[in-house]
N, C-alpha and C. Protein backbone atom coordinates (compact mmCIF):
# COMPACT_ATOMS: atom_id res chain seq x y z
N MET A 1 0.56 -1.29 -0.16
CA MET A 1 -0.06 0.10 0.22
C MET A 1 0.82 0.85 0.36
N GLU A 2 0.35 1.98 -0.81
CA GLU A 2 1.22 3.63 -0.76
C GLU A 2 1.06 3.47 0.58
N ILE A 3 0.44 4.13 1.24
CA ILE A 3 0.72 5.41 2.55
C ILE A 3 1.98 4.18 3.28
N TYR A 4 2.41 2.90 3.49
CA TYR A 4 3.57 2.84 3.92
C TYR A 4 4.88 3.31 3.46
N SER A 5 4.84 3.40 3.03
CA SER A 5 5.83 4.21 2.08
C SER A 5 5.71 5.23 1.84
N THR A 6 5.02 6.12 3.01
CA THR A 6 5.24 7.25 3.22
C THR A 6 6.09 8.55 4.39
N PRO A 7 7.36 9.31 3.85
CA PRO A 7 8.17 9.09 4.97
C PRO A 7 7.25 9.87 5.99
N LEU A 8 8.38 9.64 6.78
CA LEU A 8 7.99 9.84 8.14
C LEU A 8 7.62 11.57 8.72
N ALA A 9 7.86 12.13 7.76
CA ALA A 9 9.14 13.48 7.65
C ALA A 9 7.05 14.40 7.55
N ARG A 10 6.89 13.42 7.27
CA ARG A 10 5.44 13.98 6.86
C ARG A 10 4.00 13.84 7.79
N LEU A 11 3.96 13.09 8.51
CA LEU A 11 3.36 12.92 9.90
C LEU A 11 3.41 13.81 11.17
N GLY A 12 4.21 14.95 11.35
CA GLY A 12 4.32 15.63 11.64
C GLY A 12 4.69 15.66 12.78
N LEU A 13 5.99 14.09 13.16
CA LEU A 13 6.57 13.69 14.43
C LEU A 13 7.40 15.41 15.65
N SER A 14 7.93 15.84 16.59
CA SER A 14 8.62 17.09 17.19
C SER A 14 10.12 16.15 16.65
N PRO A 15 11.17 17.62 16.30
CA PRO A 15 11.45 17.21 15.95
C PRO A 15 12.78 16.04 16.75
N ARG A 16 13.21 16.02 17.29
CA ARG A 16 13.19 15.01 18.67
C ARG A 16 13.23 13.68 18.01
N THR A 17 11.74 13.08 17.47
CA THR A 17 11.90 12.05 17.50
C THR A 17 11.96 11.43 16.58
N LEU A 18 11.85 12.42 15.12
CA LEU A 18 11.80 12.92 13.98
C LEU A 18 13.56 12.22 13.92
N ASN A 19 14.45 12.77 14.37
CA ASN A 19 16.31 12.79 14.14
C ASN A 19 16.31 11.53 14.69
N ALA A 20 15.79 11.49 15.85
CA ALA A 20 15.78 9.80 16.25
C ALA A 20 15.59 8.86 15.92
N LEU A 21 14.71 9.10 14.79
CA LEU A 21 14.50 7.88 14.46
C LEU A 21 15.36 7.90 12.76
N ALA A 22 15.43 8.61 12.25
CA ALA A 22 16.57 9.08 11.36
C ALA A 22 18.31 8.72 11.79
N ARG A 23 18.67 9.28 13.02
CA ARG A 23 19.38 8.29 13.30
C ARG A 23 19.62 6.49 13.58
N GLY A 24 19.10 6.12 13.65
CA GLY A 24 18.69 4.99 13.38
C GLY A 24 18.03 4.28 12.25
N HIS A 25 18.54 4.93 10.94
CA HIS A 25 17.84 4.76 9.97
C HIS A 25 16.52 4.25 9.76
N ILE A 26 15.78 5.01 9.73
CA ILE A 26 14.51 5.00 10.12
C ILE A 26 13.52 5.80 9.36
N THR A 27 13.22 5.73 8.40
CA THR A 27 12.89 7.02 7.66
C THR A 27 11.79 6.86 6.82
N ARG A 28 11.04 5.83 6.99
CA ARG A 28 9.40 5.25 6.30
C ARG A 28 8.18 5.11 6.79
N VAL A 29 6.98 4.62 7.10
CA VAL A 29 6.47 4.11 7.73
C VAL A 29 6.27 3.25 7.71
N SER A 30 6.51 1.93 6.65
CA SER A 30 6.93 1.33 6.57
C SER A 30 8.11 -0.05 7.69
N GLN A 31 9.14 0.81 8.10
CA GLN A 31 9.77 0.39 8.92
C GLN A 31 9.48 0.73 9.88
N VAL A 32 8.58 1.48 10.40
CA VAL A 32 8.44 2.02 12.03
C VAL A 32 7.33 0.86 12.37
N ARG A 33 6.84 0.65 11.69
CA ARG A 33 6.04 -0.59 12.09
C ARG A 33 6.02 -1.15 12.39
N VAL A 34 7.29 -2.29 11.90
CA VAL A 34 7.11 -3.61 12.24
C VAL A 34 8.23 -3.53 13.42
N LEU A 35 8.50 -2.26 14.08
CA LEU A 35 9.59 -1.96 15.18
C LEU A 35 8.81 -2.29 16.06
N SER A 36 9.67 -2.94 17.65
CA SER A 36 9.23 -3.34 19.13
C SER A 36 9.45 -1.76 19.95
N ASP A 37 8.71 -1.55 20.72
CA ASP A 37 9.04 -1.37 21.85
C ASP A 37 10.57 -1.14 22.15
N GLU A 38 10.90 -2.08 22.76
CA GLU A 38 12.67 -2.48 22.79
C GLU A 38 12.95 -1.45 21.66
N GLU A 39 13.08 -2.56 20.59
CA GLU A 39 13.45 -1.97 19.38
C GLU A 39 13.75 -0.27 18.97
N LEU A 40 12.79 0.22 19.24
CA LEU A 40 12.51 1.58 19.43
C LEU A 40 13.54 1.98 20.79
N LEU A 41 13.52 1.82 21.77
CA LEU A 41 14.44 1.60 22.76
C LEU A 41 15.51 1.88 22.87
N SER A 42 16.04 1.72 21.84
CA SER A 42 17.73 0.75 21.91
C SER A 42 18.17 2.58 21.10
N ILE A 43 17.12 3.38 19.99
CA ILE A 43 17.48 3.76 19.02
C ILE A 43 17.72 5.21 20.24
N ARG A 44 19.45 6.02 20.09
CA ARG A 44 20.06 7.29 21.12
C ARG A 44 18.71 8.41 20.80
N ASN A 45 18.68 8.24 22.05
CA ASN A 45 17.26 9.57 22.43
C ASN A 45 16.29 9.74 22.11
N PHE A 46 15.88 7.92 22.01
CA PHE A 46 14.61 7.81 21.44
C PHE A 46 14.01 7.16 23.21
N ASN A 47 12.46 8.02 23.38
CA ASN A 47 12.14 7.10 25.02
C ASN A 47 10.49 6.96 24.50
N GLU A 48 10.07 6.84 25.74
CA GLU A 48 8.63 6.77 25.93
C GLU A 48 7.78 7.52 25.55
N LYS A 49 8.18 8.72 25.52
CA LYS A 49 7.00 9.88 25.26
C LYS A 49 7.14 9.88 23.56
N CYS A 50 8.28 9.44 22.64
CA CYS A 50 8.49 9.45 21.39
C CYS A 50 7.36 8.52 21.11
N ILE A 51 7.41 7.25 21.53
CA ILE A 51 7.10 6.12 21.25
C ILE A 51 4.76 5.96 20.97
N VAL A 52 4.88 7.70 22.66
CA VAL A 52 3.47 7.81 22.51
C VAL A 52 2.96 8.66 21.01
N GLU A 53 4.46 9.68 21.03
CA GLU A 53 3.63 10.21 19.76
C GLU A 53 3.79 9.37 18.27
N LEU A 54 4.60 8.74 18.60
CA LEU A 54 5.08 8.05 17.05
C LEU A 54 3.06 6.85 16.78
N ASP A 55 3.08 6.83 18.08
CA ASP A 55 2.06 5.59 17.58
C ASP A 55 0.45 6.69 17.51
N GLN A 56 0.41 7.83 18.13
CA GLN A 56 -0.55 8.78 17.81
C GLN A 56 -1.03 9.41 16.20
N LYS A 57 0.66 9.33 15.93
CA LYS A 57 0.24 10.11 14.09
C LYS A 57 -0.16 8.76 14.08
N LEU A 58 0.75 7.70 13.64
CA LEU A 58 0.25 6.57 13.34
C LEU A 58 -1.18 6.21 12.90
N GLY A 59 -2.03 6.92 14.43
CA GLY A 59 -3.28 6.42 14.94
C GLY A 59 -4.28 6.87 13.69
N GLU A 60 -3.45 8.19 14.06
CA GLU A 60 -4.15 9.74 12.65
C GLU A 60 -4.93 9.81 11.52
N MET A 61 -4.02 8.26 11.21
CA MET A 61 -3.62 7.65 9.31
C MET A 61 -4.18 6.68 9.36
N ASN A 62 -4.53 6.36 10.81
CA ASN A 62 -5.10 4.74 11.05
C ASN A 62 -4.51 3.47 10.78
N LEU A 63 -3.27 3.05 10.98
CA LEU A 63 -2.68 2.72 11.58
C LEU A 63 -2.08 2.20 13.15
N LYS A 64 -1.50 1.50 12.84
CA LYS A 64 -0.72 0.87 13.93
C LYS A 64 0.71 -0.27 13.63
N ARG A 65 1.52 -0.17 14.79
CA ARG A 65 2.76 -1.20 14.98
C ARG A 65 2.04 -2.46 14.82
N GLU A 66 3.46 -3.13 14.35
CA GLU A 66 2.68 -4.32 14.58
C GLU A 66 3.59 -5.29 15.78
N GLN A 67 3.20 -4.90 16.56
CA GLN A 67 4.75 -5.05 18.31
C GLN A 67 4.09 -6.79 18.49
């Protein structure tokens, strides 16, 4: 589905969350959907608040992570 190829930058994430994901070489919705909380938290500067924000933004697109 085309929505999965959407760049994360289009989700309206905070700079902290977006930069942390970019640091982990995660730039597309399809990449972040398959990551667990543990995998996300292993990325430097990515914390619980970032997970809540990410899940909220994905929810606005009627998507969720496949935890």
